[in-house]
Amino acid sequence: MILPVLDNIASVITHIINFSLSCNVFPSLWKRAIVIPLPKTSNPTCLSQYRPISILPILSKVLESIVHKQLYSYLISNCLLCPYQSGFRPSHSTVGALLNVTEDIRWAMDNTKFTAMILLDFSSAFNSVDYDILLGTLRAVKISSTTID
């Protein structure tokens, strides 16, 4: 719906996004979501068998994308990401991570080394983020207080 008029409103959108970034204010209307429950199983019988999907306004996704690109660029240029992290990185995948682990195991077997593997399920990890720890980590890697705010 926005594409037909984008040429006419691009400068206004740019101004809103720049203002939002410079004043540390996320427009409240852009935080409103339509939440759709999607079943995790074929015949759900309780609420825990649904996954809530939030449909956000497109402009909130644009602002999120800009912040992501800036933050990711900062993390990469300052070598702040673990080289073994595969998730949410371009040119890194679960297949690449699996190949690395497989190669490490193969190397250990060839060199008669002991190998142990512990697998953890972090499927709900994002539901239990400790925000004080997160904010402390952001400060530790020298993310500006303006950005953190």
N, C-alpha and C. Protein backbone atom coordinates (compact mmCIF):
# COMPACT_ATOMS: atom_id res chain seq x y z
N MET A 1 0.80 -1.19 0.00
CA MET A 1 0.00 0.00 0.00
C MET A 1 0.85 1.27 0.00
N ILE A 2 2.07 1.15 0.47
CA ILE A 2 2.90 2.34 0.56
C ILE A 2 3.69 2.58 -0.73
N LEU A 3 3.94 1.54 -1.48
CA LEU A 3 4.77 1.67 -2.68
C LEU A 3 4.24 2.67 -3.71
N PRO A 4 2.94 2.73 -3.97
CA PRO A 4 2.46 3.68 -4.99
C PRO A 4 2.73 5.15 -4.63
N VAL A 5 2.82 5.46 -3.33
CA VAL A 5 3.03 6.86 -2.93
C VAL A 5 4.42 7.10 -2.33
N LEU A 6 5.27 6.10 -2.40
CA LEU A 6 6.58 6.21 -1.75
C LEU A 6 7.39 7.41 -2.23
N ASP A 7 7.37 7.67 -3.53
CA ASP A 7 8.12 8.83 -4.05
C ASP A 7 7.66 10.13 -3.41
N ASN A 8 6.37 10.23 -3.12
CA ASN A 8 5.81 11.46 -2.55
C ASN A 8 6.09 11.60 -1.05
N ILE A 9 6.27 10.48 -0.36
CA ILE A 9 6.42 10.56 1.10
C ILE A 9 7.79 10.13 1.60
N ALA A 10 8.69 9.78 0.70
CA ALA A 10 10.02 9.29 1.12
C ALA A 10 10.76 10.30 2.00
N SER A 11 10.69 11.58 1.65
CA SER A 11 11.41 12.58 2.45
C SER A 11 10.81 12.70 3.85
N VAL A 12 9.50 12.55 3.97
CA VAL A 12 8.85 12.61 5.28
C VAL A 12 9.24 11.39 6.11
N ILE A 13 9.23 10.23 5.49
CA ILE A 13 9.62 9.00 6.19
C ILE A 13 11.08 9.10 6.65
N THR A 14 11.93 9.61 5.77
CA THR A 14 13.34 9.78 6.11
C THR A 14 13.49 10.71 7.31
N HIS A 15 12.74 11.80 7.31
CA HIS A 15 12.78 12.74 8.43
C HIS A 15 12.33 12.07 9.73
N ILE A 16 11.25 11.32 9.68
CA ILE A 16 10.73 10.64 10.88
C ILE A 16 11.76 9.65 11.41
N ILE A 17 12.36 8.88 10.52
CA ILE A 17 13.35 7.88 10.94
C ILE A 17 14.59 8.57 11.52
N ASN A 18 15.09 9.60 10.86
CA ASN A 18 16.26 10.32 11.38
C ASN A 18 15.95 10.96 12.73
N PHE A 19 14.76 11.55 12.85
CA PHE A 19 14.35 12.15 14.12
C PHE A 19 14.26 11.09 15.21
N SER A 20 13.69 9.96 14.87
CA SER A 20 13.56 8.86 15.82
C SER A 20 14.93 8.41 16.32
N LEU A 21 15.88 8.26 15.39
CA LEU A 21 17.22 7.82 15.77
C LEU A 21 17.95 8.87 16.60
N SER A 22 17.83 10.12 16.23
CA SER A 22 18.57 11.17 16.94
C SER A 22 17.96 11.49 18.30
N CYS A 23 16.67 11.27 18.48
CA CYS A 23 16.00 11.58 19.75
C CYS A 23 15.73 10.34 20.60
N ASN A 24 16.13 9.18 20.12
CA ASN A 24 15.92 7.92 20.86
C ASN A 24 14.44 7.66 21.15
N VAL A 25 13.61 7.94 20.17
CA VAL A 25 12.17 7.73 20.34
C VAL A 25 11.68 6.84 19.21
N PHE A 26 11.06 5.74 19.59
CA PHE A 26 10.45 4.86 18.61
C PHE A 26 8.98 5.24 18.55
N PRO A 27 8.47 5.65 17.39
CA PRO A 27 7.07 6.09 17.30
C PRO A 27 6.11 5.05 17.90
N SER A 28 5.27 5.49 18.81
CA SER A 28 4.40 4.56 19.54
C SER A 28 3.45 3.80 18.60
N LEU A 29 2.97 4.45 17.55
CA LEU A 29 2.08 3.75 16.62
C LEU A 29 2.80 2.61 15.90
N TRP A 30 4.11 2.72 15.77
CA TRP A 30 4.89 1.68 15.09
C TRP A 30 5.11 0.47 16.00
N LYS A 31 4.74 0.58 17.26
CA LYS A 31 4.88 -0.53 18.20
C LYS A 31 3.63 -1.40 18.26
N ARG A 32 2.56 -0.93 17.66
CA ARG A 32 1.30 -1.68 17.70
C ARG A 32 1.35 -2.82 16.70
N ALA A 33 1.00 -3.99 17.17
CA ALA A 33 1.06 -5.18 16.33
C ALA A 33 -0.28 -5.89 16.31
N ILE A 34 -0.52 -6.56 15.22
CA ILE A 34 -1.63 -7.50 15.14
C ILE A 34 -1.01 -8.86 15.46
N VAL A 35 -1.50 -9.50 16.50
CA VAL A 35 -0.93 -10.78 16.93
C VAL A 35 -1.83 -11.90 16.42
N ILE A 36 -1.20 -12.82 15.71
CA ILE A 36 -1.92 -13.96 15.14
C ILE A 36 -1.36 -15.23 15.78
N PRO A 37 -2.21 -16.04 16.39
CA PRO A 37 -1.72 -17.31 16.96
C PRO A 37 -1.62 -18.38 15.87
N LEU A 38 -0.42 -18.87 15.66
CA LEU A 38 -0.22 -19.96 14.69
C LEU A 38 0.00 -21.26 15.45
N PRO A 39 -0.72 -22.31 15.09
CA PRO A 39 -0.54 -23.57 15.80
C PRO A 39 0.83 -24.20 15.52
N LYS A 40 1.43 -24.76 16.58
CA LYS A 40 2.70 -25.48 16.44
C LYS A 40 2.45 -26.93 16.05
N THR A 41 1.28 -27.43 16.39
CA THR A 41 0.91 -28.82 16.08
C THR A 41 -0.32 -28.82 15.19
N SER A 42 -0.63 -29.98 14.63
CA SER A 42 -1.76 -30.05 13.71
C SER A 42 -3.11 -29.88 14.42
N ASN A 43 -3.22 -30.34 15.65
CA ASN A 43 -4.47 -30.20 16.41
C ASN A 43 -4.17 -29.66 17.80
N PRO A 44 -3.94 -28.36 17.92
CA PRO A 44 -3.59 -27.81 19.23
C PRO A 44 -4.75 -27.92 20.23
N THR A 45 -4.39 -28.26 21.47
CA THR A 45 -5.40 -28.41 22.51
C THR A 45 -5.19 -27.45 23.68
N CYS A 46 -4.06 -26.74 23.69
CA CYS A 46 -3.82 -25.76 24.76
C CYS A 46 -3.02 -24.58 24.19
N LEU A 47 -2.98 -23.48 24.94
CA LEU A 47 -2.34 -22.26 24.46
C LEU A 47 -0.86 -22.42 24.17
N SER A 48 -0.18 -23.29 24.93
CA SER A 48 1.26 -23.46 24.72
C SER A 48 1.57 -24.10 23.37
N GLN A 49 0.56 -24.62 22.70
CA GLN A 49 0.77 -25.22 21.39
C GLN A 49 0.56 -24.22 20.25
N TYR A 50 0.50 -22.94 20.61
CA TYR A 50 0.40 -21.87 19.62
C TYR A 50 1.63 -20.99 19.71
N ARG A 51 2.05 -20.46 18.59
CA ARG A 51 3.15 -19.52 18.52
C ARG A 51 2.57 -18.17 18.11
N PRO A 52 2.76 -17.14 18.95
CA PRO A 52 2.23 -15.83 18.57
C PRO A 52 3.11 -15.17 17.51
N ILE A 53 2.51 -14.73 16.44
CA ILE A 53 3.21 -14.02 15.38
C ILE A 53 2.70 -12.58 15.38
N SER A 54 3.63 -11.64 15.51
CA SER A 54 3.25 -10.22 15.55
C SER A 54 3.46 -9.59 14.17
N ILE A 55 2.41 -9.02 13.65
CA ILE A 55 2.48 -8.30 12.38
C ILE A 55 2.61 -6.82 12.72
N LEU A 56 3.78 -6.27 12.45
CA LEU A 56 4.08 -4.87 12.78
C LEU A 56 3.95 -3.99 11.54
N PRO A 57 3.76 -2.69 11.75
CA PRO A 57 3.72 -1.77 10.61
C PRO A 57 5.03 -1.81 9.84
N ILE A 58 4.96 -1.65 8.54
CA ILE A 58 6.14 -1.76 7.67
C ILE A 58 7.21 -0.74 8.05
N LEU A 59 6.81 0.45 8.47
CA LEU A 59 7.80 1.46 8.81
C LEU A 59 8.59 1.09 10.06
N SER A 60 7.98 0.35 10.98
CA SER A 60 8.74 -0.11 12.15
C SER A 60 9.81 -1.11 11.70
N LYS A 61 9.49 -1.91 10.70
CA LYS A 61 10.47 -2.87 10.18
C LYS A 61 11.60 -2.14 9.45
N VAL A 62 11.27 -1.02 8.79
CA VAL A 62 12.31 -0.22 8.11
C VAL A 62 13.27 0.34 9.15
N LEU A 63 12.73 0.92 10.22
CA LEU A 63 13.57 1.48 11.28
C LEU A 63 14.39 0.38 11.95
N GLU A 64 13.78 -0.75 12.22
CA GLU A 64 14.49 -1.89 12.80
C GLU A 64 15.64 -2.32 11.90
N SER A 65 15.42 -2.36 10.62
CA SER A 65 16.44 -2.76 9.66
C SER A 65 17.62 -1.79 9.67
N ILE A 66 17.33 -0.50 9.75
CA ILE A 66 18.39 0.51 9.78
C ILE A 66 19.23 0.36 11.04
N VAL A 67 18.57 0.20 12.18
CA VAL A 67 19.29 0.03 13.44
C VAL A 67 20.13 -1.25 13.39
N HIS A 68 19.54 -2.32 12.86
CA HIS A 68 20.27 -3.59 12.74
C HIS A 68 21.53 -3.42 11.91
N LYS A 69 21.42 -2.77 10.76
CA LYS A 69 22.58 -2.59 9.88
C LYS A 69 23.67 -1.77 10.56
N GLN A 70 23.27 -0.72 11.27
CA GLN A 70 24.26 0.11 11.96
C GLN A 70 24.93 -0.65 13.09
N LEU A 71 24.15 -1.37 13.89
CA LEU A 71 24.71 -2.12 15.01
C LEU A 71 25.59 -3.26 14.51
N TYR A 72 25.12 -3.98 13.50
CA TYR A 72 25.90 -5.09 12.96
C TYR A 72 27.22 -4.59 12.37
N SER A 73 27.17 -3.48 11.67
CA SER A 73 28.39 -2.88 11.11
C SER A 73 29.38 -2.54 12.22
N TYR A 74 28.88 -1.98 13.32
CA TYR A 74 29.73 -1.65 14.46
C TYR A 74 30.36 -2.91 15.05
N LEU A 75 29.55 -3.95 15.25
CA LEU A 75 30.06 -5.20 15.83
C LEU A 75 31.11 -5.84 14.94
N ILE A 76 30.89 -5.84 13.63
CA ILE A 76 31.84 -6.43 12.70
C ILE A 76 33.13 -5.61 12.63
N SER A 77 33.01 -4.30 12.50
CA SER A 77 34.20 -3.46 12.35
C SER A 77 35.06 -3.46 13.61
N ASN A 78 34.48 -3.77 14.76
CA ASN A 78 35.24 -3.82 16.00
C ASN A 78 35.52 -5.25 16.46
N CYS A 79 35.29 -6.22 15.56
CA CYS A 79 35.56 -7.65 15.84
C CYS A 79 34.94 -8.10 17.16
N LEU A 80 33.67 -7.77 17.37
CA LEU A 80 33.00 -8.08 18.63
C LEU A 80 32.13 -9.33 18.58
N LEU A 81 32.02 -9.96 17.41
CA LEU A 81 31.26 -11.20 17.31
C LEU A 81 32.21 -12.39 17.36
N CYS A 82 31.79 -13.41 18.07
CA CYS A 82 32.58 -14.63 18.15
C CYS A 82 32.69 -15.23 16.75
N PRO A 83 33.90 -15.62 16.33
CA PRO A 83 34.04 -16.18 14.98
C PRO A 83 33.27 -17.49 14.78
N TYR A 84 32.89 -18.14 15.86
CA TYR A 84 32.15 -19.40 15.75
C TYR A 84 30.63 -19.20 15.73
N GLN A 85 30.18 -17.97 15.89
CA GLN A 85 28.74 -17.72 15.86
C GLN A 85 28.24 -17.84 14.44
N SER A 86 27.26 -18.70 14.24
CA SER A 86 26.73 -18.91 12.89
C SER A 86 25.38 -18.26 12.69
N GLY A 87 24.59 -18.17 13.74
CA GLY A 87 23.23 -17.66 13.60
C GLY A 87 23.16 -16.18 13.31
N PHE A 88 22.25 -15.81 12.43
CA PHE A 88 21.93 -14.41 12.13
C PHE A 88 23.11 -13.65 11.54
N ARG A 89 23.92 -14.33 10.76
CA ARG A 89 25.06 -13.67 10.12
C ARG A 89 25.09 -14.05 8.64
N PRO A 90 25.35 -13.07 7.78
CA PRO A 90 25.48 -13.39 6.36
C PRO A 90 26.65 -14.33 6.13
N SER A 91 26.52 -15.23 5.21
CA SER A 91 27.55 -16.20 4.83
C SER A 91 27.88 -17.18 5.95
N HIS A 92 27.04 -17.28 6.96
CA HIS A 92 27.18 -18.27 8.03
C HIS A 92 25.84 -18.99 8.12
N SER A 93 25.89 -20.28 8.31
CA SER A 93 24.63 -21.02 8.36
C SER A 93 24.75 -22.19 9.31
N THR A 94 23.62 -22.81 9.58
CA THR A 94 23.64 -24.00 10.41
C THR A 94 24.39 -25.12 9.71
N VAL A 95 24.33 -25.15 8.39
CA VAL A 95 25.08 -26.16 7.64
C VAL A 95 26.59 -25.94 7.83
N GLY A 96 27.01 -24.69 7.76
CA GLY A 96 28.43 -24.37 7.99
C GLY A 96 28.87 -24.74 9.39
N ALA A 97 28.02 -24.46 10.38
CA ALA A 97 28.34 -24.81 11.77
C ALA A 97 28.45 -26.33 11.91
N LEU A 98 27.53 -27.06 11.29
CA LEU A 98 27.56 -28.52 11.34
C LEU A 98 28.82 -29.07 10.68
N LEU A 99 29.21 -28.48 9.55
CA LEU A 99 30.44 -28.92 8.89
C LEU A 99 31.67 -28.65 9.76
N ASN A 100 31.69 -27.51 10.45
CA ASN A 100 32.81 -27.21 11.35
C ASN A 100 32.90 -28.22 12.49
N VAL A 101 31.77 -28.55 13.10
CA VAL A 101 31.75 -29.53 14.19
C VAL A 101 32.18 -30.90 13.67
N THR A 102 31.65 -31.28 12.52
CA THR A 102 32.01 -32.57 11.92
C THR A 102 33.50 -32.64 11.64
N GLU A 103 34.05 -31.58 11.11
CA GLU A 103 35.49 -31.54 10.82
C GLU A 103 36.31 -31.60 12.10
N ASP A 104 35.88 -30.92 13.15
CA ASP A 104 36.57 -31.00 14.44
C ASP A 104 36.56 -32.41 14.99
N ILE A 105 35.43 -33.09 14.90
CA ILE A 105 35.32 -34.48 15.37
C ILE A 105 36.21 -35.39 14.53
N ARG A 106 36.17 -35.20 13.21
CA ARG A 106 37.02 -36.02 12.34
C ARG A 106 38.49 -35.82 12.66
N TRP A 107 38.91 -34.57 12.86
CA TRP A 107 40.30 -34.28 13.19
C TRP A 107 40.69 -34.95 14.50
N ALA A 108 39.80 -34.86 15.52
CA ALA A 108 40.09 -35.48 16.82
C ALA A 108 40.22 -36.99 16.69
N MET A 109 39.36 -37.59 15.88
CA MET A 109 39.45 -39.05 15.69
C MET A 109 40.75 -39.42 15.00
N ASP A 110 41.12 -38.67 13.97
CA ASP A 110 42.37 -38.94 13.25
C ASP A 110 43.59 -38.78 14.15
N ASN A 111 43.49 -37.92 15.15
CA ASN A 111 44.60 -37.65 16.05
C ASN A 111 44.42 -38.30 17.42
N THR A 112 43.58 -39.32 17.47
CA THR A 112 43.28 -40.09 18.68
C THR A 112 43.05 -39.21 19.91
N LYS A 113 42.25 -38.18 19.71
CA LYS A 113 41.88 -37.28 20.79
C LYS A 113 40.49 -37.65 21.29
N PHE A 114 40.26 -37.40 22.55
CA PHE A 114 38.94 -37.63 23.14
C PHE A 114 38.00 -36.52 22.68
N THR A 115 36.79 -36.87 22.31
CA THR A 115 35.80 -35.89 21.86
C THR A 115 34.51 -36.09 22.64
N ALA A 116 33.98 -34.99 23.14
CA ALA A 116 32.68 -35.02 23.81
C ALA A 116 31.83 -33.89 23.24
N MET A 117 30.54 -34.13 23.17
CA MET A 117 29.66 -33.11 22.65
C MET A 117 28.46 -32.97 23.58
N ILE A 118 28.15 -31.73 23.92
CA ILE A 118 26.98 -31.44 24.74
C ILE A 118 26.04 -30.61 23.86
N LEU A 119 24.82 -31.06 23.71
CA LEU A 119 23.83 -30.36 22.91
C LEU A 119 22.77 -29.78 23.83
N LEU A 120 22.49 -28.51 23.69
CA LEU A 120 21.51 -27.83 24.51
C LEU A 120 20.38 -27.31 23.64
N ASP A 121 19.19 -27.31 24.18
CA ASP A 121 18.03 -26.80 23.47
C ASP A 121 17.74 -25.38 23.97
N PHE A 122 18.00 -24.40 23.12
CA PHE A 122 17.75 -23.00 23.47
C PHE A 122 16.49 -22.49 22.77
N SER A 123 15.52 -23.35 22.56
CA SER A 123 14.34 -22.98 21.78
C SER A 123 13.56 -21.81 22.38
N SER A 124 13.61 -21.64 23.69
CA SER A 124 12.89 -20.53 24.32
C SER A 124 13.83 -19.51 24.93
N ALA A 125 15.07 -19.50 24.48
CA ALA A 125 16.08 -18.62 25.08
C ALA A 125 15.70 -17.15 24.99
N PHE A 126 15.10 -16.73 23.88
CA PHE A 126 14.77 -15.33 23.72
C PHE A 126 13.61 -14.90 24.61
N ASN A 127 12.88 -15.86 25.16
CA ASN A 127 11.79 -15.53 26.07
C ASN A 127 12.29 -15.23 27.48
N SER A 128 13.57 -15.47 27.74
CA SER A 128 14.09 -15.29 29.10
C SER A 128 15.34 -14.42 29.13
N VAL A 129 15.41 -13.43 28.27
CA VAL A 129 16.56 -12.53 28.24
C VAL A 129 16.54 -11.67 29.50
N ASP A 130 17.67 -11.65 30.22
CA ASP A 130 17.82 -10.78 31.38
C ASP A 130 18.28 -9.42 30.85
N TYR A 131 17.40 -8.43 30.90
CA TYR A 131 17.69 -7.14 30.28
C TYR A 131 18.83 -6.40 30.96
N ASP A 132 19.01 -6.61 32.27
CA ASP A 132 20.15 -5.97 32.95
C ASP A 132 21.46 -6.51 32.41
N ILE A 133 21.52 -7.82 32.19
CA ILE A 133 22.73 -8.43 31.62
C ILE A 133 22.93 -7.96 30.19
N LEU A 134 21.84 -7.92 29.41
CA LEU A 134 21.93 -7.45 28.03
C LEU A 134 22.45 -6.02 27.97
N LEU A 135 21.89 -5.13 28.78
CA LEU A 135 22.33 -3.74 28.79
C LEU A 135 23.77 -3.62 29.26
N GLY A 136 24.16 -4.43 30.24
CA GLY A 136 25.55 -4.44 30.70
C GLY A 136 26.50 -4.88 29.61
N THR A 137 26.09 -5.89 28.84
CA THR A 137 26.91 -6.38 27.73
C THR A 137 27.05 -5.31 26.66
N LEU A 138 25.96 -4.63 26.35
CA LEU A 138 26.02 -3.55 25.36
C LEU A 138 26.96 -2.43 25.81
N ARG A 139 26.91 -2.10 27.10
CA ARG A 139 27.83 -1.08 27.63
C ARG A 139 29.27 -1.56 27.56
N ALA A 140 29.50 -2.84 27.86
CA ALA A 140 30.84 -3.41 27.88
C ALA A 140 31.49 -3.38 26.49
N VAL A 141 30.69 -3.51 25.45
CA VAL A 141 31.26 -3.45 24.08
C VAL A 141 31.21 -2.05 23.52
N LYS A 142 30.97 -1.09 24.43
CA LYS A 142 31.04 0.34 24.12
C LYS A 142 29.98 0.83 23.13
N ILE A 143 28.78 0.24 23.23
CA ILE A 143 27.64 0.78 22.49
C ILE A 143 27.28 2.08 23.20
N SER A 144 27.06 3.13 22.45
CA SER A 144 26.81 4.44 23.05
C SER A 144 25.55 4.42 23.91
N SER A 145 25.56 5.26 24.95
CA SER A 145 24.38 5.32 25.83
C SER A 145 23.16 5.82 25.05
N THR A 146 23.38 6.64 24.03
CA THR A 146 22.28 7.11 23.19
C THR A 146 21.63 5.93 22.48
N THR A 147 22.45 5.04 21.96
CA THR A 147 21.92 3.86 21.27
C THR A 147 21.22 2.94 22.25
N ILE A 148 21.81 2.74 23.41
CA ILE A 148 21.21 1.87 24.42
C ILE A 148 19.86 2.42 24.86
N ASP A 149 19.80 3.74 25.05
CA ASP A 149 18.51 4.37 25.43
C ASP A 149 17.46 4.09 24.39
